Amino acid sequence: MTQPRGFTLLEVLVAFAILSLAVVVAIQGFAQGLRLLKLSGDHQQATLLADQKARELTTPKEGVEGGTEGRFDWHRVVKAVAAPELEVPGRVPRWHVYEITVSVGWGEQKRSVSVTTLRTVSETEQGAPAVGTPRP
């Protein structure tokens, strides 16, 4: 007499346990991927906002500004930067250099991104000399 071929109950339970562990690990991997995708999208939006706020200044003036755009808070700092290599001795400086830093923050964990750029402005564009620059 031959025994019927098949799996025992114990073998089936072990197979289901292994399969369930594999499914749980796969679902957690996909969920982590979705969280990272959302974080990446938020980071990209914050970077674009920071870039926009840095570029929208046509004639920079020293100071601090801030505001809110949607769920993002932004903060812009403009500082005059000394540029002695642009100065001609005995003349009023014709060019002024500004450092523009924009920081954007969002979320409960207070994530943030910053963009810093330098802007060169001529005396005619600016209309007035930089702070601390004497006029003849």
N, C-alpha and C. Protein backbone atom coordinates (compact mmCIF):
# COMPACT_ATOMS: atom_id res chain seq x y z
N MET A 1 0.83 -1.16 0.00
CA MET A 1 0.00 0.00 0.00
C MET A 1 0.89 1.25 0.00
N THR A 2 0.61 2.18 -0.86
CA THR A 2 1.40 3.41 -0.96
C THR A 2 0.70 4.54 -0.21
N GLN A 3 1.51 5.39 0.37
CA GLN A 3 0.94 6.54 1.09
C GLN A 3 0.62 7.65 0.11
N PRO A 4 -0.47 8.38 0.35
CA PRO A 4 -0.78 9.49 -0.54
C PRO A 4 0.28 10.58 -0.40
N ARG A 5 0.60 11.19 -1.54
CA ARG A 5 1.61 12.25 -1.52
C ARG A 5 0.94 13.59 -1.23
N GLY A 6 1.60 14.40 -0.47
CA GLY A 6 1.05 15.70 -0.11
C GLY A 6 1.85 16.30 1.03
N PHE A 7 1.36 17.42 1.53
CA PHE A 7 2.05 18.11 2.60
C PHE A 7 1.33 17.84 3.92
N THR A 8 2.10 17.80 4.97
CA THR A 8 1.49 17.66 6.29
C THR A 8 1.03 19.03 6.76
N LEU A 9 0.20 19.06 7.76
CA LEU A 9 -0.31 20.33 8.30
C LEU A 9 0.83 21.20 8.81
N LEU A 10 1.82 20.61 9.42
CA LEU A 10 2.96 21.36 9.93
C LEU A 10 3.73 22.03 8.79
N GLU A 11 3.94 21.34 7.70
CA GLU A 11 4.64 21.92 6.55
C GLU A 11 3.85 23.09 5.96
N VAL A 12 2.53 22.96 5.90
CA VAL A 12 1.70 24.05 5.37
C VAL A 12 1.77 25.26 6.29
N LEU A 13 1.72 25.06 7.61
CA LEU A 13 1.80 26.18 8.55
C LEU A 13 3.15 26.89 8.46
N VAL A 14 4.21 26.15 8.34
CA VAL A 14 5.55 26.77 8.20
C VAL A 14 5.62 27.57 6.90
N ALA A 15 5.08 27.04 5.82
CA ALA A 15 5.08 27.76 4.54
C ALA A 15 4.28 29.05 4.65
N PHE A 16 3.10 29.01 5.30
CA PHE A 16 2.30 30.22 5.48
C PHE A 16 3.02 31.24 6.36
N ALA A 17 3.72 30.79 7.38
CA ALA A 17 4.46 31.71 8.26
C ALA A 17 5.57 32.42 7.47
N ILE A 18 6.28 31.67 6.67
CA ILE A 18 7.35 32.27 5.85
C ILE A 18 6.75 33.25 4.85
N LEU A 19 5.66 32.87 4.20
CA LEU A 19 5.00 33.74 3.22
C LEU A 19 4.48 35.01 3.88
N SER A 20 3.88 34.88 5.07
CA SER A 20 3.35 36.07 5.74
C SER A 20 4.48 37.02 6.14
N LEU A 21 5.61 36.50 6.60
CA LEU A 21 6.75 37.36 6.91
C LEU A 21 7.25 38.10 5.67
N ALA A 22 7.32 37.41 4.56
CA ALA A 22 7.77 38.04 3.32
C ALA A 22 6.80 39.14 2.88
N VAL A 23 5.51 38.91 3.02
CA VAL A 23 4.52 39.92 2.64
C VAL A 23 4.62 41.15 3.54
N VAL A 24 4.76 40.94 4.85
CA VAL A 24 4.89 42.06 5.78
C VAL A 24 6.13 42.89 5.47
N VAL A 25 7.24 42.25 5.21
CA VAL A 25 8.47 42.97 4.88
C VAL A 25 8.30 43.76 3.58
N ALA A 26 7.66 43.17 2.59
CA ALA A 26 7.43 43.86 1.32
C ALA A 26 6.53 45.07 1.50
N ILE A 27 5.46 44.95 2.28
CA ILE A 27 4.55 46.07 2.52
C ILE A 27 5.26 47.19 3.26
N GLN A 28 6.08 46.84 4.26
CA GLN A 28 6.83 47.87 4.98
C GLN A 28 7.81 48.58 4.06
N GLY A 29 8.43 47.84 3.17
CA GLY A 29 9.35 48.45 2.20
C GLY A 29 8.64 49.43 1.29
N PHE A 30 7.45 49.08 0.80
CA PHE A 30 6.69 49.98 -0.05
C PHE A 30 6.23 51.21 0.73
N ALA A 31 5.80 51.02 1.97
CA ALA A 31 5.36 52.16 2.79
C ALA A 31 6.52 53.12 3.05
N GLN A 32 7.69 52.59 3.34
CA GLN A 32 8.87 53.45 3.54
C GLN A 32 9.20 54.20 2.25
N GLY A 33 9.08 53.53 1.14
CA GLY A 33 9.32 54.19 -0.15
C GLY A 33 8.35 55.33 -0.39
N LEU A 34 7.10 55.16 -0.03
CA LEU A 34 6.10 56.23 -0.20
C LEU A 34 6.39 57.40 0.73
N ARG A 35 6.82 57.11 1.97
CA ARG A 35 7.18 58.20 2.89
C ARG A 35 8.37 58.99 2.35
N LEU A 36 9.36 58.29 1.83
CA LEU A 36 10.52 58.98 1.27
C LEU A 36 10.16 59.77 0.02
N LEU A 37 9.23 59.26 -0.77
CA LEU A 37 8.77 59.98 -1.97
C LEU A 37 8.08 61.28 -1.58
N LYS A 38 7.25 61.25 -0.54
CA LYS A 38 6.58 62.47 -0.08
C LYS A 38 7.61 63.46 0.47
N LEU A 39 8.56 62.98 1.26
CA LEU A 39 9.59 63.85 1.80
C LEU A 39 10.41 64.48 0.68
N SER A 40 10.72 63.71 -0.33
CA SER A 40 11.47 64.22 -1.47
C SER A 40 10.69 65.30 -2.21
N GLY A 41 9.37 65.08 -2.37
CA GLY A 41 8.53 66.09 -3.02
C GLY A 41 8.46 67.37 -2.20
N ASP A 42 8.34 67.25 -0.87
CA ASP A 42 8.34 68.43 -0.01
C ASP A 42 9.66 69.19 -0.11
N HIS A 43 10.75 68.45 -0.12
CA HIS A 43 12.07 69.06 -0.22
C HIS A 43 12.21 69.81 -1.55
N GLN A 44 11.72 69.21 -2.62
CA GLN A 44 11.80 69.86 -3.93
C GLN A 44 10.95 71.12 -3.96
N GLN A 45 9.74 71.09 -3.40
CA GLN A 45 8.89 72.28 -3.36
C GLN A 45 9.55 73.38 -2.53
N ALA A 46 10.15 73.01 -1.40
CA ALA A 46 10.81 74.00 -0.56
C ALA A 46 12.00 74.63 -1.29
N THR A 47 12.75 73.82 -2.01
CA THR A 47 13.89 74.35 -2.77
C THR A 47 13.42 75.30 -3.87
N LEU A 48 12.36 74.94 -4.56
CA LEU A 48 11.81 75.82 -5.59
C LEU A 48 11.31 77.13 -5.01
N LEU A 49 10.66 77.07 -3.84
CA LEU A 49 10.19 78.30 -3.19
C LEU A 49 11.37 79.17 -2.77
N ALA A 50 12.41 78.57 -2.20
CA ALA A 50 13.59 79.33 -1.79
C ALA A 50 14.24 79.99 -3.00
N ASP A 51 14.35 79.26 -4.09
CA ASP A 51 14.93 79.82 -5.32
C ASP A 51 14.07 80.97 -5.84
N GLN A 52 12.76 80.81 -5.82
CA GLN A 52 11.85 81.86 -6.29
C GLN A 52 12.01 83.11 -5.44
N LYS A 53 12.06 82.96 -4.11
CA LYS A 53 12.20 84.11 -3.22
C LYS A 53 13.55 84.79 -3.37
N ALA A 54 14.58 84.04 -3.72
CA ALA A 54 15.90 84.64 -3.95
C ALA A 54 15.93 85.40 -5.26
N ARG A 55 15.25 84.88 -6.29
CA ARG A 55 15.26 85.51 -7.62
C ARG A 55 14.32 86.69 -7.75
N GLU A 56 13.30 86.77 -6.91
CA GLU A 56 12.31 87.83 -7.09
C GLU A 56 12.81 89.20 -6.70
N LEU A 57 13.95 89.28 -6.03
CA LEU A 57 14.54 90.58 -5.69
C LEU A 57 15.22 91.16 -6.93
N THR A 58 14.71 92.26 -7.43
CA THR A 58 15.36 92.88 -8.59
C THR A 58 16.44 93.86 -8.15
N THR A 59 16.16 94.65 -7.13
CA THR A 59 17.16 95.54 -6.55
C THR A 59 17.25 95.24 -5.06
N PRO A 60 18.22 94.44 -4.68
CA PRO A 60 18.32 94.04 -3.27
C PRO A 60 18.70 95.20 -2.36
N LYS A 61 18.14 95.19 -1.17
CA LYS A 61 18.49 96.14 -0.11
C LYS A 61 18.68 95.32 1.15
N GLU A 62 19.64 95.74 1.97
CA GLU A 62 19.90 95.00 3.19
C GLU A 62 18.66 94.94 4.06
N GLY A 63 18.43 93.77 4.63
CA GLY A 63 17.28 93.62 5.52
C GLY A 63 16.86 92.17 5.66
N VAL A 64 15.79 91.98 6.41
CA VAL A 64 15.24 90.66 6.68
C VAL A 64 13.76 90.68 6.36
N GLU A 65 13.29 89.65 5.67
CA GLU A 65 11.88 89.50 5.35
C GLU A 65 11.47 88.07 5.64
N GLY A 66 10.17 87.86 5.75
CA GLY A 66 9.68 86.51 5.96
C GLY A 66 8.22 86.42 5.59
N GLY A 67 7.73 85.21 5.51
CA GLY A 67 6.33 85.02 5.17
C GLY A 67 5.98 83.55 5.13
N THR A 68 4.76 83.28 4.68
CA THR A 68 4.26 81.92 4.58
C THR A 68 3.67 81.71 3.20
N GLU A 69 3.98 80.58 2.60
CA GLU A 69 3.39 80.18 1.32
C GLU A 69 2.87 78.77 1.51
N GLY A 70 1.56 78.63 1.60
CA GLY A 70 0.99 77.31 1.83
C GLY A 70 1.43 76.79 3.19
N ARG A 71 2.04 75.61 3.20
CA ARG A 71 2.51 75.04 4.47
C ARG A 71 3.99 75.30 4.71
N PHE A 72 4.59 76.17 3.89
CA PHE A 72 6.01 76.49 4.02
C PHE A 72 6.18 77.89 4.61
N ASP A 73 7.11 78.02 5.55
CA ASP A 73 7.50 79.32 6.10
C ASP A 73 8.85 79.69 5.51
N TRP A 74 8.99 80.93 5.01
CA TRP A 74 10.26 81.34 4.42
C TRP A 74 10.80 82.56 5.14
N HIS A 75 12.13 82.71 5.06
CA HIS A 75 12.86 83.76 5.75
C HIS A 75 14.00 84.19 4.84
N ARG A 76 14.04 85.48 4.45
CA ARG A 76 15.07 85.97 3.53
C ARG A 76 15.93 87.02 4.22
N VAL A 77 17.25 86.86 4.11
CA VAL A 77 18.22 87.81 4.68
C VAL A 77 19.09 88.33 3.54
N VAL A 78 19.17 89.67 3.43
CA VAL A 78 20.01 90.30 2.41
C VAL A 78 21.08 91.10 3.12
N LYS A 79 22.36 90.83 2.78
CA LYS A 79 23.49 91.53 3.39
C LYS A 79 24.40 92.05 2.29
N ALA A 80 24.94 93.25 2.50
CA ALA A 80 25.96 93.78 1.59
C ALA A 80 27.27 93.06 1.87
N VAL A 81 27.99 92.73 0.80
CA VAL A 81 29.26 92.03 0.92
C VAL A 81 30.36 92.95 0.39
N ALA A 82 31.42 93.07 1.14
CA ALA A 82 32.55 93.88 0.69
C ALA A 82 33.20 93.21 -0.52
N ALA A 83 33.47 94.02 -1.55
CA ALA A 83 34.11 93.51 -2.76
C ALA A 83 35.20 94.49 -3.18
N PRO A 84 36.34 94.49 -2.48
CA PRO A 84 37.40 95.46 -2.78
C PRO A 84 37.96 95.30 -4.19
N GLU A 85 37.86 94.09 -4.76
CA GLU A 85 38.39 93.90 -6.11
C GLU A 85 37.54 94.61 -7.17
N LEU A 86 36.34 95.04 -6.83
CA LEU A 86 35.49 95.78 -7.77
C LEU A 86 35.66 97.28 -7.63
N GLU A 87 36.43 97.71 -6.64
CA GLU A 87 36.60 99.15 -6.38
C GLU A 87 37.84 99.69 -7.08
N VAL A 88 37.71 100.90 -7.60
CA VAL A 88 38.84 101.60 -8.21
C VAL A 88 39.26 102.69 -7.23
N PRO A 89 40.53 102.72 -6.84
CA PRO A 89 40.98 103.72 -5.86
C PRO A 89 40.67 105.14 -6.35
N GLY A 90 40.13 105.95 -5.43
CA GLY A 90 39.84 107.34 -5.75
C GLY A 90 38.47 107.54 -6.39
N ARG A 91 37.73 106.49 -6.60
CA ARG A 91 36.40 106.62 -7.22
C ARG A 91 35.33 106.00 -6.32
N VAL A 92 34.13 106.49 -6.54
CA VAL A 92 33.00 105.88 -5.82
C VAL A 92 32.76 104.50 -6.42
N PRO A 93 32.55 103.49 -5.60
CA PRO A 93 32.31 102.15 -6.14
C PRO A 93 31.11 102.14 -7.08
N ARG A 94 31.29 101.51 -8.22
CA ARG A 94 30.22 101.43 -9.22
C ARG A 94 29.38 100.17 -9.04
N TRP A 95 29.95 99.17 -8.42
CA TRP A 95 29.28 97.89 -8.25
C TRP A 95 29.16 97.55 -6.78
N HIS A 96 28.05 96.91 -6.44
CA HIS A 96 27.80 96.47 -5.07
C HIS A 96 27.39 95.01 -5.13
N VAL A 97 27.88 94.24 -4.16
CA VAL A 97 27.59 92.80 -4.10
C VAL A 97 26.73 92.53 -2.87
N TYR A 98 25.68 91.75 -3.07
CA TYR A 98 24.78 91.37 -1.98
C TYR A 98 24.71 89.86 -1.87
N GLU A 99 24.66 89.39 -0.63
CA GLU A 99 24.43 87.97 -0.36
C GLU A 99 22.97 87.81 0.03
N ILE A 100 22.26 86.95 -0.69
CA ILE A 100 20.85 86.70 -0.43
C ILE A 100 20.71 85.26 0.05
N THR A 101 20.20 85.10 1.26
CA THR A 101 19.99 83.77 1.84
C THR A 101 18.51 83.59 2.13
N VAL A 102 17.93 82.54 1.57
CA VAL A 102 16.52 82.23 1.81
C VAL A 102 16.45 80.85 2.47
N SER A 103 15.78 80.80 3.62
CA SER A 103 15.55 79.54 4.32
C SER A 103 14.06 79.24 4.30
N VAL A 104 13.72 78.00 4.00
CA VAL A 104 12.32 77.56 3.97
C VAL A 104 12.17 76.39 4.92
N GLY A 105 11.18 76.46 5.81
CA GLY A 105 10.93 75.39 6.77
C GLY A 105 9.52 74.85 6.63
N TRP A 106 9.32 73.59 7.01
CA TRP A 106 8.00 72.97 6.92
C TRP A 106 7.93 71.76 7.83
N GLY A 107 6.71 71.34 8.12
CA GLY A 107 6.47 70.09 8.83
C GLY A 107 6.61 70.18 10.33
N GLU A 108 6.11 69.14 10.98
CA GLU A 108 6.17 69.06 12.44
C GLU A 108 7.59 68.84 12.93
N GLN A 109 8.41 68.19 12.11
CA GLN A 109 9.79 67.92 12.50
C GLN A 109 10.72 69.09 12.16
N LYS A 110 10.12 70.19 11.72
CA LYS A 110 10.86 71.41 11.37
C LYS A 110 12.00 71.14 10.40
N ARG A 111 11.66 70.51 9.32
CA ARG A 111 12.65 70.32 8.26
C ARG A 111 12.88 71.65 7.57
N SER A 112 14.06 71.85 7.00
CA SER A 112 14.33 73.12 6.33
C SER A 112 15.37 72.94 5.23
N VAL A 113 15.36 73.92 4.34
CA VAL A 113 16.33 73.97 3.26
C VAL A 113 16.70 75.44 3.07
N SER A 114 17.96 75.71 2.70
CA SER A 114 18.42 77.08 2.51
C SER A 114 19.09 77.21 1.15
N VAL A 115 18.90 78.38 0.55
CA VAL A 115 19.54 78.71 -0.72
C VAL A 115 20.26 80.03 -0.52
N THR A 116 21.51 80.10 -0.91
CA THR A 116 22.28 81.34 -0.80
C THR A 116 22.85 81.67 -2.16
N THR A 117 22.76 82.95 -2.53
CA THR A 117 23.28 83.40 -3.81
C THR A 117 23.90 84.78 -3.65
N LEU A 118 24.75 85.14 -4.57
CA LEU A 118 25.34 86.48 -4.60
C LEU A 118 24.75 87.24 -5.77
N ARG A 119 24.47 88.51 -5.56
CA ARG A 119 23.91 89.35 -6.62
C ARG A 119 24.78 90.60 -6.75
N THR A 120 25.20 90.90 -7.95
CA THR A 120 25.97 92.11 -8.22
C THR A 120 25.04 93.14 -8.83
N VAL A 121 25.03 94.35 -8.26
CA VAL A 121 24.14 95.41 -8.73
C VAL A 121 24.98 96.63 -9.03
N SER A 122 24.70 97.26 -10.17
CA SER A 122 25.44 98.48 -10.51
C SER A 122 24.84 99.67 -9.78
N GLU A 123 25.60 100.73 -9.66
CA GLU A 123 25.16 101.95 -8.98
C GLU A 123 23.90 102.50 -9.64
N THR A 124 23.81 102.43 -10.96
CA THR A 124 22.64 102.98 -11.66
C THR A 124 21.39 102.14 -11.41
N GLU A 125 21.53 100.84 -11.27
CA GLU A 125 20.38 99.98 -10.97
C GLU A 125 19.90 100.22 -9.54
N GLN A 126 20.85 100.44 -8.68
CA GLN A 126 20.54 100.52 -7.26
C GLN A 126 20.01 101.90 -6.89
N GLY A 127 20.56 102.93 -7.47
CA GLY A 127 20.11 104.28 -7.18
C GLY A 127 20.78 104.92 -5.98
N ALA A 128 21.42 104.16 -5.15
CA ALA A 128 22.10 104.69 -3.96
C ALA A 128 23.28 103.78 -3.63
N PRO A 129 24.32 104.34 -3.04
CA PRO A 129 25.47 103.50 -2.71
C PRO A 129 25.16 102.53 -1.58
N ALA A 130 25.99 101.53 -1.48
CA ALA A 130 25.84 100.54 -0.41
C ALA A 130 26.11 101.20 0.93
N VAL A 131 25.65 100.60 1.98
CA VAL A 131 25.84 101.13 3.32
C VAL A 131 27.33 101.26 3.59
N GLY A 132 27.72 102.43 4.13
CA GLY A 132 29.11 102.65 4.47
C GLY A 132 29.96 103.14 3.30
N THR A 133 29.35 103.38 2.13
CA THR A 133 30.11 103.85 0.97
C THR A 133 29.88 105.36 0.84
N PRO A 134 30.95 106.17 0.94
CA PRO A 134 30.78 107.61 0.84
C PRO A 134 30.51 108.04 -0.59
N ARG A 135 29.73 109.10 -0.72
CA ARG A 135 29.46 109.70 -2.05
C ARG A 135 30.24 111.01 -2.11
N PRO A 136 30.83 111.32 -3.28
CA PRO A 136 31.56 112.59 -3.39
C PRO A 136 30.63 113.78 -3.45
